[in-house]
Protein backbone atom coordinates (compact mmCIF):
# COMPACT_ATOMS: atom_id res chain seq x y z
CA UNK A 1 -101.53 -28.40 100.64
CA UNK A 2 -99.09 -31.17 101.44
CA UNK A 3 -95.64 -29.80 100.61
CA UNK A 4 -93.33 -32.31 102.27
CA UNK A 5 -93.47 -35.77 103.79
CA UNK A 6 -90.93 -37.31 106.14
CA UNK A 7 -91.22 -40.87 107.34
CA UNK A 8 -90.08 -44.44 106.84
CA UNK A 9 -90.07 -46.02 103.40
CA UNK A 10 -92.52 -48.92 103.77
CA UNK A 11 -92.73 -50.17 100.15
CA UNK A 12 -91.14 -49.48 96.76
CA UNK A 13 -93.10 -50.47 93.65
CA UNK A 14 -92.04 -48.27 90.71
CA UNK A 15 -93.20 -45.56 90.30
CA UNK A 16 -95.19 -45.69 93.57
CA UNK A 17 -93.91 -45.61 97.13
CA UNK A 18 -95.64 -46.17 100.42
CA UNK A 19 -94.30 -43.74 103.01
CA UNK A 20 -95.15 -44.42 106.66
CA UNK A 21 -95.45 -41.09 108.49
CA UNK A 22 -96.12 -41.85 112.16
CA UNK A 23 -98.58 -44.64 111.40
CA UNK A 24 -100.23 -43.05 108.37
CA UNK A 25 -99.24 -44.60 105.03
CA UNK A 26 -99.06 -42.18 102.08
CA UNK A 27 -98.94 -43.51 98.53
CA UNK A 28 -96.63 -41.24 96.54
CA UNK A 29 -95.82 -41.42 92.83
CA UNK A 30 -92.23 -40.41 92.04
CA UNK A 31 -90.15 -39.97 88.88
CA UNK A 32 -87.55 -42.66 88.29
CA UNK A 33 -84.75 -40.16 89.00
CA UNK A 34 -86.04 -39.89 92.58
CA UNK A 35 -86.83 -43.61 92.78
CA UNK A 36 -83.23 -44.64 91.96
CA UNK A 37 -81.87 -42.43 94.76
CA UNK A 38 -84.07 -43.92 97.49
CA UNK A 39 -82.65 -45.99 100.32
CA UNK A 40 -83.80 -49.54 101.13
CA UNK A 41 -87.25 -50.19 102.60
CA UNK A 42 -87.45 -49.28 106.28
CA UNK A 43 -85.06 -46.33 106.00
CA UNK A 44 -86.08 -42.72 106.73
CA UNK A 45 -87.00 -40.62 103.67
CA UNK A 46 -87.99 -37.00 103.12
CA UNK A 47 -89.79 -36.03 99.91
CA UNK A 48 -91.05 -32.71 98.61
CA UNK A 49 -94.57 -33.26 97.31
CA UNK A 50 -97.23 -31.88 95.02
CA UNK A 51 -100.88 -32.81 95.60
CA UNK A 52 -103.14 -33.11 92.56
CA UNK A 53 -106.84 -33.01 93.41
CA UNK A 54 -109.28 -34.44 90.90
CA UNK A 55 -112.93 -35.34 91.12
CA UNK A 56 -112.11 -39.04 91.42
CA UNK A 57 -108.75 -38.99 93.24
CA UNK A 58 -106.24 -37.09 95.33
CA UNK A 59 -102.76 -38.06 94.13
CA UNK A 60 -99.45 -37.18 95.76
CA UNK A 61 -96.35 -36.80 93.64
CA UNK A 62 -92.99 -36.85 95.41
CA UNK A 63 -89.59 -35.46 94.46
CA UNK A 64 -86.09 -35.75 95.86
CA UNK A 65 -85.15 -32.16 94.98
CA UNK A 66 -86.88 -28.78 94.75
CA UNK A 67 -85.69 -28.45 91.14
CA UNK A 68 -87.60 -31.61 90.17
CA UNK A 69 -90.77 -30.39 91.86
CA UNK A 70 -90.49 -26.94 90.24
CA UNK A 71 -89.99 -28.52 86.79
CA UNK A 72 -93.00 -30.80 87.41
CA UNK A 73 -95.13 -27.77 88.31
CA UNK A 74 -94.03 -25.96 85.15
CA UNK A 75 -94.82 -29.02 83.04
CA UNK A 76 -98.36 -29.55 84.36
CA UNK A 77 -99.24 -25.91 83.65
CA UNK A 78 -98.92 -26.65 79.93
CA UNK A 79 -102.17 -27.49 78.17
CA UNK A 80 -102.30 -31.19 77.31
CA UNK A 81 -99.57 -32.20 79.79
CA UNK A 82 -100.96 -34.01 82.79
CA UNK A 83 -99.18 -35.23 85.90
CA UNK A 84 -98.49 -38.68 84.41
CA UNK A 85 -96.82 -37.23 81.33
CA UNK A 86 -94.85 -34.74 83.44
CA UNK A 87 -93.66 -37.66 85.58
CA UNK A 88 -92.64 -39.53 82.39
CA UNK A 89 -90.63 -36.51 81.20
CA UNK A 90 -88.80 -36.25 84.54
CA UNK A 91 -88.25 -40.01 84.57
CA UNK A 92 -86.70 -39.90 81.11
CA UNK A 93 -84.35 -36.95 81.60
CA UNK A 94 -82.86 -34.94 84.43
CA UNK A 95 -84.03 -31.40 85.15
CA UNK A 96 -80.73 -29.97 83.91
CA UNK A 97 -81.05 -31.98 80.67
CA UNK A 98 -84.61 -30.71 80.24
CA UNK A 99 -83.51 -27.11 80.84
CA UNK A 100 -80.67 -27.53 78.36
CA UNK A 101 -82.98 -29.08 75.73
CA UNK A 102 -85.38 -26.16 76.15
CA UNK A 103 -82.66 -23.49 76.01
CA UNK A 104 -81.13 -25.03 72.87
CA UNK A 105 -84.58 -25.85 71.39
CA UNK A 106 -83.83 -29.56 70.81
CA UNK A 107 -87.19 -31.20 70.12
CA UNK A 108 -85.42 -34.43 69.13
CA UNK A 109 -84.28 -35.04 72.71
CA UNK A 110 -87.87 -34.77 73.94
CA UNK A 111 -89.38 -37.02 71.25
CA UNK A 112 -87.19 -39.87 72.53
CA UNK A 113 -89.29 -39.92 75.71
CA UNK A 114 -92.29 -42.29 75.81
CA UNK A 115 -95.58 -40.57 75.00
CA UNK A 116 -93.93 -37.41 73.61
CA UNK A 117 -94.50 -36.85 69.91
CA UNK A 118 -93.24 -34.07 67.69
CA UNK A 119 -96.18 -31.72 68.37
CA UNK A 120 -96.03 -32.15 72.14
CA UNK A 121 -92.23 -31.72 72.11
CA UNK A 122 -92.57 -28.45 70.17
CA UNK A 123 -95.26 -27.26 72.59
CA UNK A 124 -93.00 -28.07 75.56
CA UNK A 125 -90.13 -26.12 74.01
CA UNK A 126 -92.37 -23.14 73.32
CA UNK A 127 -94.14 -23.10 76.69
CA UNK A 128 -91.07 -23.79 78.85
CA UNK A 129 -88.76 -21.28 77.15
CA UNK A 130 -87.58 -18.86 79.83
CA UNK A 131 -89.60 -20.58 82.56
CA UNK A 132 -87.05 -23.08 83.79
CA UNK A 133 -84.91 -20.93 86.04
CA UNK A 134 -81.18 -20.65 85.38
CA UNK A 135 -80.35 -22.41 88.63
CA UNK A 136 -82.23 -25.48 87.33
CA UNK A 137 -79.79 -25.72 84.46
CA UNK A 138 -76.72 -24.78 86.52
CA UNK A 139 -75.47 -28.35 86.46
CA UNK A 140 -75.96 -28.60 82.69
CA UNK A 141 -73.08 -28.57 80.24
CA UNK A 142 -73.96 -25.10 78.97
CA UNK A 143 -73.32 -23.41 82.32
CA UNK A 144 -70.28 -21.12 82.38
CA UNK A 145 -67.37 -22.34 84.50
CA UNK A 146 -66.34 -18.97 85.95
CA UNK A 147 -67.24 -15.28 86.13
CA UNK A 148 -65.01 -14.62 83.10
CA UNK A 149 -66.79 -17.35 81.16
CA UNK A 150 -70.16 -15.87 82.17
CA UNK A 151 -69.05 -12.44 80.87
CA UNK A 152 -67.78 -13.99 77.64
CA UNK A 153 -71.06 -15.85 77.18
CA UNK A 154 -73.06 -12.64 77.73
CA UNK A 155 -70.88 -10.82 75.19
CA UNK A 156 -71.44 -13.54 72.59
CA UNK A 157 -75.19 -13.51 73.20
CA UNK A 158 -75.20 -9.70 72.86
CA UNK A 159 -73.40 -10.07 69.53
CA UNK A 160 -76.28 -12.22 68.26
CA UNK A 161 -74.91 -15.73 68.70
CA UNK A 162 -77.30 -18.40 70.00
CA UNK A 163 -76.87 -20.02 73.43
CA UNK A 164 -75.81 -23.24 71.70
CA UNK A 165 -73.10 -21.47 69.67
CA UNK A 166 -71.89 -19.56 72.74
CA UNK A 167 -71.72 -22.77 74.80
CA UNK A 168 -69.72 -24.53 72.07
CA UNK A 169 -67.27 -21.61 71.89
CA UNK A 170 -66.89 -21.57 75.70
CA UNK A 171 -65.98 -25.26 75.76
CA UNK A 172 -62.97 -24.54 73.55
CA UNK A 173 -61.61 -21.87 75.91
CA UNK A 174 -59.08 -22.53 78.70
CA UNK A 175 -60.51 -22.26 82.22
CA UNK A 176 -58.26 -19.37 83.27
CA UNK A 177 -58.77 -17.13 80.22
CA UNK A 178 -59.47 -13.40 80.73
CA UNK A 179 -62.62 -11.76 79.40
CA UNK A 180 -61.13 -9.77 76.50
CA UNK A 181 -58.82 -12.58 75.37
CA UNK A 182 -61.65 -15.09 75.79
CA UNK A 183 -63.99 -13.05 73.58
CA UNK A 184 -61.29 -12.85 70.88
CA UNK A 185 -60.67 -16.61 71.01
CA UNK A 186 -64.39 -17.41 71.04
CA UNK A 187 -65.00 -15.19 68.00
CA UNK A 188 -62.16 -16.94 66.15
CA UNK A 189 -63.69 -20.31 67.03
CA UNK A 190 -67.14 -19.20 65.84
CA UNK A 191 -65.71 -17.77 62.59
CA UNK A 192 -64.43 -21.21 61.53
């Protein structure tokens, strides 16, 4: 319904903002990652939004990036995860960190977030696996540095190594390594 708001930042009270859009004030809840990147009150702001309609309220959630909004939408599709908890997850870790935690199946990283216990963390890992698009995790540490590194990573995955093992082997490789030499070096690293 409401996909984007552009206006002047009238008030900042974490996690809620008041955005003045041509005389209409919109209350928008934002994750702390977006909140920390906001300018001072009175400055122009553009936020991507998601409207949640409930019987007792219509609540707008705002995001600084499309990746944050997409991750929020994936989170609220999971049974037992409401908008408040999804906002808490995105406030506690970046989208790339979340994508990396899901791809490496690290429940421990999620249980450090407020309100996320072991069962919910395991459900998040299960439900989000393969749903956070690769471009969401492109800024994560596991992303290959070059085309050669991407080919090496694919070869290691095809050989049965996990994403975590492949990422660790890639970190040990020089940036300018060729594909065949890189695969040999990565296999030596993984054999240790």
